[in-house]
PDB file of N, CA and C in Angstrom:
ATOM      1  N   UNK A   1     207.219 -55.712  55.529  1.00  0.00           N
ATOM      2  CA  UNK A   1     206.512 -56.543  56.471  1.00  0.00           C
ATOM      3  C   UNK A   1     205.384 -55.765  57.129  1.00  0.00           C
ATOM      4  N   UNK A   2     205.679 -54.487  57.422  1.00  0.00           N
ATOM      5  CA  UNK A   2     204.637 -53.665  58.048  1.00  0.00           C
ATOM      6  C   UNK A   2     203.457 -53.475  57.099  1.00  0.00           C
ATOM      7  N   UNK A   3     203.737 -53.333  55.838  1.00  0.00           N
ATOM      8  CA  UNK A   3     202.671 -53.155  54.859  1.00  0.00           C
ATOM      9  C   UNK A   3     201.816 -54.413  54.773  1.00  0.00           C
ATOM     10  N   UNK A   4     202.452 -55.565  54.805  1.00  0.00           N
ATOM     11  CA  UNK A   4     201.722 -56.827  54.756  1.00  0.00           C
ATOM     12  C   UNK A   4     200.839 -56.985  55.988  1.00  0.00           C
ATOM     13  N   UNK A   5     201.325 -56.650  57.146  1.00  0.00           N
ATOM     14  CA  UNK A   5     200.532 -56.721  58.374  1.00  0.00           C
ATOM     15  C   UNK A   5     199.353 -55.753  58.305  1.00  0.00           C
ATOM     16  N   UNK A   6     199.607 -54.552  57.768  1.00  0.00           N
ATOM     17  CA  UNK A   6     198.543 -53.558  57.641  1.00  0.00           C
ATOM     18  C   UNK A   6     197.457 -54.062  56.680  1.00  0.00           C
ATOM     19  N   UNK A   7     197.856 -54.620  55.541  1.00  0.00           N
ATOM     20  CA  UNK A   7     196.901 -55.125  54.550  1.00  0.00           C
ATOM     21  C   UNK A   7     196.127 -56.313  55.129  1.00  0.00           C
ATOM     22  N   UNK A   8     196.785 -57.197  55.836  1.00  0.00           N
ATOM     23  CA  UNK A   8     196.095 -58.324  56.461  1.00  0.00           C
ATOM     24  C   UNK A   8     195.119 -57.843  57.537  1.00  0.00           C
ATOM     25  N   UNK A   9     195.496 -56.825  58.273  1.00  0.00           N
ATOM     26  CA  UNK A   9     194.608 -56.252  59.285  1.00  0.00           C
ATOM     27  C   UNK A   9     193.359 -55.652  58.664  1.00  0.00           C
ATOM     28  N   UNK A  10     193.534 -54.892  57.589  1.00  0.00           N
ATOM     29  CA  UNK A  10     192.393 -54.292  56.878  1.00  0.00           C
ATOM     30  C   UNK A  10     191.511 -55.393  56.305  1.00  0.00           C
ATOM     31  N   UNK A  11     192.114 -56.421  55.704  1.00  0.00           N
ATOM     32  CA  UNK A  11     191.344 -57.529  55.137  1.00  0.00           C
ATOM     33  C   UNK A  11     190.564 -58.249  56.226  1.00  0.00           C
ATOM     34  N   UNK A  12     191.173 -58.431  57.389  1.00  0.00           N
ATOM     35  CA  UNK A  12     190.480 -59.080  58.504  1.00  0.00           C
ATOM     36  C   UNK A  12     189.275 -58.259  58.952  1.00  0.00           C
ATOM     37  N   UNK A  13     189.449 -56.932  59.035  1.00  0.00           N
ATOM     38  CA  UNK A  13     188.338 -56.042  59.411  1.00  0.00           C
ATOM     39  C   UNK A  13     187.224 -56.125  58.368  1.00  0.00           C
ATOM     40  N   UNK A  14     187.577 -56.152  57.089  1.00  0.00           N
ATOM     41  CA  UNK A  14     186.579 -56.245  56.023  1.00  0.00           C
ATOM     42  C   UNK A  14     185.837 -57.582  56.101  1.00  0.00           C
ATOM     43  N   UNK A  15     186.547 -58.661  56.345  1.00  0.00           N
ATOM     44  CA  UNK A  15     185.914 -59.976  56.456  1.00  0.00           C
ATOM     45  C   UNK A  15     184.968 -60.004  57.645  1.00  0.00           C
ATOM     46  N   UNK A  16     185.387 -59.462  58.786  1.00  0.00           N
ATOM     47  CA  UNK A  16     184.525 -59.424  59.977  1.00  0.00           C
ATOM     48  C   UNK A  16     183.290 -58.567  59.715  1.00  0.00           C
ATOM     49  N   UNK A  17     183.479 -57.413  59.087  1.00  0.00           N
ATOM     50  CA  UNK A  17     182.335 -56.538  58.773  1.00  0.00           C
ATOM     51  C   UNK A  17     181.370 -57.241  57.827  1.00  0.00           C
ATOM     52  N   UNK A  18     181.879 -57.931  56.822  1.00  0.00           N
ATOM     53  CA  UNK A  18     181.033 -58.669  55.877  1.00  0.00           C
ATOM     54  C   UNK A  18     180.270 -59.781  56.601  1.00  0.00           C
ATOM     55  N   UNK A  19     180.944 -60.458  57.517  1.00  0.00           N
ATOM     56  CA  UNK A  19     180.274 -61.517  58.276  1.00  0.00           C
ATOM     57  C   UNK A  19     179.167 -60.943  59.146  1.00  0.00           C
ATOM     58  N   UNK A  20     179.423 -59.799  59.768  1.00  0.00           N
ATOM     59  CA  UNK A  20     178.393 -59.162  60.611  1.00  0.00           C
ATOM     60  C   UNK A  20     177.196 -58.755  59.762  1.00  0.00           C
ATOM     61  N   UNK A  21     177.452 -58.161  58.602  1.00  0.00           N
ATOM     62  CA  UNK A  21     176.363 -57.762  57.705  1.00  0.00           C
ATOM     63  C   UNK A  21     175.592 -58.993  57.231  1.00  0.00           C
ATOM     64  N   UNK A  22     176.282 -60.080  56.930  1.00  0.00           N
ATOM     65  CA  UNK A  22     175.608 -61.297  56.473  1.00  0.00           C
ATOM     66  C   UNK A  22     174.723 -61.876  57.566  1.00  0.00           C
ATOM     67  N   UNK A  23     175.208 -61.905  58.793  1.00  0.00           N
ATOM     68  CA  UNK A  23     174.399 -62.415  59.909  1.00  0.00           C
ATOM     69  C   UNK A  23     173.194 -61.519  60.130  1.00  0.00           C
ATOM     70  N   UNK A  24     173.398 -60.205  60.083  1.00  0.00           N
ATOM     71  CA  UNK A  24     172.292 -59.250  60.254  1.00  0.00           C
ATOM     72  C   UNK A  24     171.236 -59.451  59.161  1.00  0.00           C
ATOM     73  N   UNK A  25     171.683 -59.615  57.913  1.00  0.00           N
ATOM     74  CA  UNK A  25     170.755 -59.840  56.806  1.00  0.00           C
ATOM     75  C   UNK A  25     170.009 -61.165  56.979  1.00  0.00           C
ATOM     76  N   UNK A  26     170.712 -62.194  57.422  1.00  0.00           N
ATOM     77  CA  UNK A  26     170.074 -63.490  57.641  1.00  0.00           C
ATOM     78  C   UNK A  26     168.982 -63.388  58.701  1.00  0.00           C
ATOM     79  N   UNK A  27     169.256 -62.670  59.780  1.00  0.00           N
ATOM     80  CA  UNK A  27     168.259 -62.490  60.846  1.00  0.00           C
ATOM     81  C   UNK A  27     167.061 -61.707  60.320  1.00  0.00           C
ATOM     82  N   UNK A  28     167.314 -60.655  59.561  1.00  0.00           N
ATOM     83  CA  UNK A  28     166.212 -59.866  58.996  1.00  0.00           C
ATOM     84  C   UNK A  28     165.355 -60.713  58.059  1.00  0.00           C
ATOM     85  N   UNK A  29     165.991 -61.481  57.195  1.00  0.00           N
ATOM     86  CA  UNK A  29     165.255 -62.341  56.257  1.00  0.00           C
ATOM     87  C   UNK A  29     164.447 -63.375  57.015  1.00  0.00           C
ATOM     88  N   UNK A  30     165.003 -63.900  58.078  1.00  0.00           N
ATOM     89  CA  UNK A  30     164.289 -64.886  58.891  1.00  0.00           C
ATOM     90  C   UNK A  30     163.049 -64.269  59.526  1.00  0.00           C
ATOM     91  N   UNK A  31     163.182 -63.055  60.051  1.00  0.00           N
ATOM     92  CA  UNK A  31     162.031 -62.376  60.655  1.00  0.00           C
ATOM     93  C   UNK A  31     160.959 -62.081  59.614  1.00  0.00           C
ATOM     94  N   UNK A  32     161.377 -61.598  58.462  1.00  0.00           N
ATOM     95  CA  UNK A  32     160.418 -61.292  57.388  1.00  0.00           C
ATOM     96  C   UNK A  32     159.727 -62.572  56.925  1.00  0.00           C
ATOM     97  N   UNK A  33     160.467 -63.666  56.855  1.00  0.00           N
ATOM     98  CA  UNK A  33     159.890 -64.943  56.450  1.00  0.00           C
ATOM     99  C   UNK A  33     158.819 -65.397  57.441  1.00  0.00           C
ATOM    100  N   UNK A  34     159.080 -65.223  58.742  1.00  0.00           N
ATOM    101  CA  UNK A  34     158.089 -65.587  59.754  1.00  0.00           C
ATOM    102  C   UNK A  34     156.837 -64.718  59.622  1.00  0.00           C
ATOM    103  N   UNK A  35     157.029 -63.428  59.376  1.00  0.00           N
ATOM    104  CA  UNK A  35     155.890 -62.520  59.216  1.00  0.00           C
ATOM    105  C   UNK A  35     155.070 -62.917  57.992  1.00  0.00           C
ATOM    106  N   UNK A  36     155.746 -63.260  56.897  1.00  0.00           N
ATOM    107  CA  UNK A  36     155.040 -63.671  55.686  1.00  0.00           C
ATOM    108  C   UNK A  36     154.244 -64.950  55.943  1.00  0.00           C
ATOM    109  N   UNK A  37     154.824 -65.903  56.648  1.00  0.00           N
ATOM    110  CA  UNK A  37     154.110 -67.151  56.961  1.00  0.00           C
ATOM    111  C   UNK A  37     152.899 -66.883  57.842  1.00  0.00           C
ATOM    112  N   UNK A  38     153.045 -65.993  58.824  1.00  0.00           N
ATOM    113  CA  UNK A  38     151.905 -65.657  59.682  1.00  0.00           C
ATOM    114  C   UNK A  38     150.800 -64.993  58.869  1.00  0.00           C
ATOM    115  N   UNK A  39     151.178 -64.077  57.983  1.00  0.00           N
ATOM    116  CA  UNK A  39     150.181 -63.418  57.139  1.00  0.00           C
ATOM    117  C   UNK A  39     149.507 -64.405  56.206  1.00  0.00           C
ATOM    118  N   UNK A  40     150.268 -65.356  55.704  1.00  0.00           N
ATOM    119  CA  UNK A  40     149.699 -66.375  54.829  1.00  0.00           C
ATOM    120  C   UNK A  40     148.685 -67.237  55.579  1.00  0.00           C
ATOM    121  N   UNK A  41     149.010 -67.611  56.810  1.00  0.00           N
ATOM    122  CA  UNK A  41     148.083 -68.410  57.612  1.00  0.00           C
ATOM    123  C   UNK A  41     146.824 -67.613  57.938  1.00  0.00           C
ATOM    124  N   UNK A  42     146.999 -66.341  58.284  1.00  0.00           N
ATOM    125  CA  UNK A  42     145.845 -65.492  58.592  1.00  0.00           C
ATOM    126  C   UNK A  42     144.959 -65.344  57.364  1.00  0.00           C
ATOM    127  N   UNK A  43     145.567 -65.098  56.228  1.00  0.00           N
ATOM    128  CA  UNK A  43     144.807 -64.954  54.990  1.00  0.00           C
ATOM    129  C   UNK A  43     144.079 -66.241  54.644  1.00  0.00           C
ATOM    130  N   UNK A  44     144.737 -67.365  54.841  1.00  0.00           N
ATOM    131  CA  UNK A  44     144.110 -68.656  54.565  1.00  0.00           C
ATOM    132  C   UNK A  44     142.888 -68.875  55.464  1.00  0.00           C
ATOM    133  N   UNK A  45     143.026 -68.520  56.749  1.00  0.00           N
ATOM    134  CA  UNK A  45     141.877 -68.655  57.671  1.00  0.00           C
ATOM    135  C   UNK A  45     140.736 -67.728  57.255  1.00  0.00           C
ATOM    136  N   UNK A  46     141.073 -66.518  56.851  1.00  0.00           N
ATOM    137  CA  UNK A  46     140.031 -65.566  56.433  1.00  0.00           C
ATOM    138  C   UNK A  46     139.323 -66.052  55.168  1.00  0.00           C
ATOM    139  N   UNK A  47     140.078 -66.590  54.227  1.00  0.00           N
ATOM    140  CA  UNK A  47     139.470 -67.116  53.001  1.00  0.00           C
ATOM    141  C   UNK A  47     138.556 -68.287  53.327  1.00  0.00           C
ATOM    142  N   UNK A  48     139.001 -69.160  54.220  1.00  0.00           N
ATOM    143  CA  UNK A  48     138.162 -70.296  54.625  1.00  0.00           C
ATOM    144  C   UNK A  48     136.882 -69.808  55.297  1.00  0.00           C
ATOM    145  N   UNK A  49     136.988 -68.767  56.119  1.00  0.00           N
ATOM    146  CA  UNK A  49     135.811 -68.197  56.774  1.00  0.00           C
ATOM    147  C   UNK A  49     134.846 -67.614  55.743  1.00  0.00           C
ATOM    148  N   UNK A  50     135.380 -66.936  54.735  1.00  0.00           N
ATOM    149  CA  UNK A  50     134.531 -66.375  53.679  1.00  0.00           C
ATOM    150  C   UNK A  50     133.825 -67.493  52.920  1.00  0.00           C
ATOM    151  N   UNK A  51     134.556 -68.548  52.580  1.00  0.00           N
ATOM    152  CA  UNK A  51     133.941 -69.680  51.870  1.00  0.00           C
ATOM    153  C   UNK A  51     132.847 -70.327  52.720  1.00  0.00           C
ATOM    154  N   UNK A  52     133.111 -70.484  54.010  1.00  0.00           N
ATOM    155  CA  UNK A  52     132.117 -71.087  54.894  1.00  0.00           C
ATOM    156  C   UNK A  52     130.882 -70.198  54.994  1.00  0.00           C
ATOM    157  N   UNK A  53     131.082 -68.891  55.100  1.00  0.00           N
ATOM    158  CA  UNK A  53     129.960 -67.957  55.184  1.00  0.00           C
ATOM    159  C   UNK A  53     129.135 -67.986  53.910  1.00  0.00           C
ATOM    160  N   UNK A  54     129.807 -67.994  52.763  1.00  0.00           N
ATOM    161  CA  UNK A  54     129.093 -68.048  51.485  1.00  0.00           C
ATOM    162  C   UNK A  54     128.299 -69.350  51.384  1.00  0.00           C
ATOM    163  N   UNK A  55     128.901 -70.443  51.779  1.00  0.00           N
ATOM    164  CA  UNK A  55     128.215 -71.735  51.721  1.00  0.00           C
ATOM    165  C   UNK A  55     126.997 -71.751  52.641  1.00  0.00           C
ATOM    166  N   UNK A  56     127.157 -71.219  53.846  1.00  0.00           N
ATOM    167  CA  UNK A  56     126.026 -71.156  54.778  1.00  0.00           C
ATOM    168  C   UNK A  56     124.904 -70.290  54.219  1.00  0.00           C
ATOM    169  N   UNK A  57     125.261 -69.157  53.631  1.00  0.00           N
ATOM    170  CA  UNK A  57     124.245 -68.275  53.056  1.00  0.00           C
ATOM    171  C   UNK A  57     123.543 -68.927  51.883  1.00  0.00           C
ATOM    172  N   UNK A  58     124.294 -69.665  51.059  1.00  0.00           N
ATOM    173  CA  UNK A  58     123.669 -70.380  49.945  1.00  0.00           C
ATOM    174  C   UNK A  58     122.682 -71.422  50.462  1.00  0.00           C
ATOM    175  N   UNK A  59     123.067 -72.135  51.506  1.00  0.00           N
ATOM    176  CA  UNK A  59     122.166 -73.136  52.081  1.00  0.00           C
ATOM    177  C   UNK A  59     120.900 -72.488  52.622  1.00  0.00           C
ATOM    178  N   UNK A  60     121.050 -71.340  53.290  1.00  0.00           N
ATOM    179  CA  UNK A  60     119.885 -70.644  53.833  1.00  0.00           C
ATOM    180  C   UNK A  60     118.972 -70.160  52.719  1.00  0.00           C
ATOM    181  N   UNK A  61     119.555 -69.587  51.676  1.00  0.00           N
ATOM    182  CA  UNK A  61     118.753 -69.095  50.553  1.00  0.00           C
ATOM    183  C   UNK A  61     118.038 -70.255  49.867  1.00  0.00           C
ATOM    184  N   UNK A  62     118.749 -71.352  49.651  1.00  0.00           N
ATOM    185  CA  UNK A  62     118.132 -72.509  49.009  1.00  0.00           C
ATOM    186  C   UNK A  62     116.987 -73.054  49.864  1.00  0.00           C
ATOM    187  N   UNK A  63     117.197 -73.141  51.168  1.00  0.00           N
ATOM    188  CA  UNK A  63     116.138 -73.607  52.071  1.00  0.00           C
ATOM    189  C   UNK A  63     114.937 -72.679  52.052  1.00  0.00           C
ATOM    190  N   UNK A  64     115.200 -71.373  52.044  1.00  0.00           N
ATOM    191  CA  UNK A  64     114.106 -70.400  51.993  1.00  0.00           C
ATOM    192  C   UNK A  64     113.352 -70.519  50.673  1.00  0.00           C
ATOM    193  N   UNK A  65     114.078 -70.707  49.586  1.00  0.00           N
ATOM    194  CA  UNK A  65     113.411 -70.871  48.292  1.00  0.00           C
ATOM    195  C   UNK A  65     112.556 -72.135  48.278  1.00  0.00           C
ATOM    196  N   UNK A  66     113.059 -73.209  48.842  1.00  0.00           N
ATOM    197  CA  UNK A  66     112.280 -74.448  48.900  1.00  0.00           C
ATOM    198  C   UNK A  66     111.005 -74.252  49.726  1.00  0.00           C
ATOM    199  N   UNK A  67     111.136 -73.570  50.872  1.00  0.00           N
ATOM    200  CA  UNK A  67     109.954 -73.313  51.702  1.00  0.00           C
ATOM    201  C   UNK A  67     108.931 -72.470  50.958  1.00  0.00           C
ATOM    202  N   UNK A  68     109.393 -71.434  50.269  1.00  0.00           N
ATOM    203  CA  UNK A  68     108.462 -70.583  49.515  1.00  0.00           C
ATOM    204  C   UNK A  68     107.816 -71.369  48.369  1.00  0.00           C
ATOM    205  N   UNK A  69     108.587 -72.214  47.733  1.00  0.00           N
ATOM    206  CA  UNK A  69     108.045 -73.035  46.648  1.00  0.00           C
ATOM    207  C   UNK A  69     106.960 -73.967  47.182  1.00  0.00           C
ATOM    208  N   UNK A  70     107.237 -74.614  48.300  1.00  0.00           N
ATOM    209  CA  UNK A  70     106.237 -75.512  48.889  1.00  0.00           C
ATOM    210  C   UNK A  70     104.980 -74.747  49.299  1.00  0.00           C
ATOM    211  N   UNK A  71     105.174 -73.565  49.868  1.00  0.00           N
ATOM    212  CA  UNK A  71     104.019 -72.736  50.257  1.00  0.00           C
ATOM    213  C   UNK A  71     103.216 -72.338  49.029  1.00  0.00           C
ATOM    214  N   UNK A  72     103.889 -71.940  47.977  1.00  0.00           N
ATOM    215  CA  UNK A  72     103.212 -71.553  46.744  1.00  0.00           C
ATOM    216  C   UNK A  72     102.453 -72.731  46.145  1.00  0.00           C
ATOM    217  N   UNK A  73     103.055 -73.882  46.132  1.00  0.00           N
ATOM    218  CA  UNK A  73     102.376 -75.079  45.611  1.00  0.00           C
ATOM    219  C   UNK A  73     101.138 -75.385  46.451  1.00  0.00           C
ATOM    220  N   UNK A  74     101.255 -75.258  47.769  1.00  0.00           N
ATOM    221  CA  UNK A  74     100.111 -75.521  48.644  1.00  0.00           C
ATOM    222  C   UNK A  74      98.983 -74.527  48.380  1.00  0.00           C
ATOM    223  N   UNK A  75      99.314 -73.257  48.187  1.00  0.00           N
ATOM    224  CA  UNK A  75      98.287 -72.237  47.917  1.00  0.00           C
ATOM    225  C   UNK A  75      97.607 -72.506  46.582  1.00  0.00           C
ATOM    226  N   UNK A  76      98.415 -72.797  45.545  1.00  0.00           N
ATOM    227  CA  UNK A  76      97.838 -73.076  44.229  1.00  0.00           C
ATOM    228  C   UNK A  76      96.975 -74.334  44.287  1.00  0.00           C
ATOM    229  N   UNK A  77      97.424 -75.341  44.989  1.00  0.00           N
ATOM    230  CA  UNK A  77      96.661 -76.580  45.116  1.00  0.00           C
ATOM    231  C   UNK A  77      95.335 -76.323  45.830  1.00  0.00           C
ATOM    232  N   UNK A  78      95.383 -75.523  46.886  1.00  0.00           N
ATOM    233  CA  UNK A  78      94.164 -75.184  47.622  1.00  0.00           C
ATOM    234  C   UNK A  78      93.183 -74.433  46.727  1.00  0.00           C
ATOM    235  N   UNK A  79      93.709 -73.465  45.968  1.00  0.00           N
ATOM    236  CA  UNK A  79      92.833 -72.699  45.060  1.00  0.00           C
ATOM    237  C   UNK A  79      92.259 -73.593  43.963  1.00  0.00           C
ATOM    238  N   UNK A  80      93.060 -74.497  43.465  1.00  0.00           N
ATOM    239  CA  UNK A  80      92.568 -75.408  42.435  1.00  0.00           C
ATOM    240  C   UNK A  80      91.467 -76.310  42.994  1.00  0.00           C
ATOM    241  N   UNK A  81      91.633 -76.765  44.243  1.00  0.00           N
ATOM    242  CA  UNK A  81      90.594 -77.589  44.867  1.00  0.00           C
ATOM    243  C   UNK A  81      89.304 -76.796  45.030  1.00  0.00           C
ATOM    244  N   UNK A  82      89.409 -75.536  45.449  1.00  0.00           N
ATOM    245  CA  UNK A  82      88.206 -74.701  45.592  1.00  0.00           C
ATOM    246  C   UNK A  82      87.534 -74.476  44.248  1.00  0.00           C
ATOM    247  N   UNK A  83      88.330 -74.214  43.227  1.00  0.00           N
ATOM    248  CA  UNK A  83      87.774 -74.014  41.891  1.00  0.00           C
ATOM    249  C   UNK A  83      87.098 -75.294  41.399  1.00  0.00           C
ATOM    250  N   UNK A  84      87.738 -76.415  41.635  1.00  0.00           N
ATOM    251  CA  UNK A  84      87.161 -77.687  41.222  1.00  0.00           C
ATOM    252  C   UNK A  84      85.834 -77.938  41.947  1.00  0.00           C
ATOM    253  N   UNK A  85      85.800 -77.633  43.252  1.00  0.00           N
ATOM    254  CA  UNK A  85      84.554 -77.802  44.008  1.00  0.00           C
ATOM    255  C   UNK A  85      83.459 -76.902  43.472  1.00  0.00           C
ATOM    256  N   UNK A  86      83.787 -75.659  43.129  1.00  0.00           N
ATOM    257  CA  UNK A  86      82.770 -74.737  42.576  1.00  0.00           C
ATOM    258  C   UNK A  86      82.254 -75.242  41.236  1.00  0.00           C
ATOM    259  N   UNK A  87      83.172 -75.731  40.408  1.00  0.00           N
ATOM    260  CA  UNK A  87      82.761 -76.196  39.087  1.00  0.00           C
ATOM    261  C   UNK A  87      81.925 -77.480  39.181  1.00  0.00           C
ATOM    262  N   UNK A  88      82.276 -78.356  40.094  1.00  0.00           N
ATOM    263  CA  UNK A  88      81.507 -79.600  40.213  1.00  0.00           C
ATOM    264  C   UNK A  88      80.173 -79.370  40.916  1.00  0.00           C
ATOM    265  N   UNK A  89      80.072 -78.400  41.816  1.00  0.00           N
ATOM    266  CA  UNK A  89      78.811 -78.132  42.508  1.00  0.00           C
ATOM    267  C   UNK A  89      77.815 -77.374  41.632  1.00  0.00           C
ATOM    268  N   UNK A  90      78.272 -76.629  40.653  1.00  0.00           N
ATOM    269  CA  UNK A  90      77.376 -75.868  39.788  1.00  0.00           C
ATOM    270  C   UNK A  90      76.659 -76.764  38.794  1.00  0.00           C
ATOM    271  N   UNK A  91      77.207 -77.883  38.479  1.00  0.00           N
ATOM    272  CA  UNK A  91      76.616 -78.767  37.477  1.00  0.00           C
ATOM    273  C   UNK A  91      75.453 -79.467  38.030  1.00  0.00           C
TER     274      UNK A  91
END
């Protein structure tokens, strides 16, 4: 009977220790999961910021190219008008 009580006591201690380790592991996994979710949200915000910055820069470059194109067309048109005036006045 004493041996049975001793074995049951040891088994009870092992079960309690296993339960404590399981709860500790569950808490650790929960904390790590929260950290991973926070990092995922931060990364998502940073990626969105990069995409927005790239889009804004593309818009600025495209606008600048359009302005330069219009300026170039105006200069060429002006020069063509001057050339046309010189050619028509010489005749």
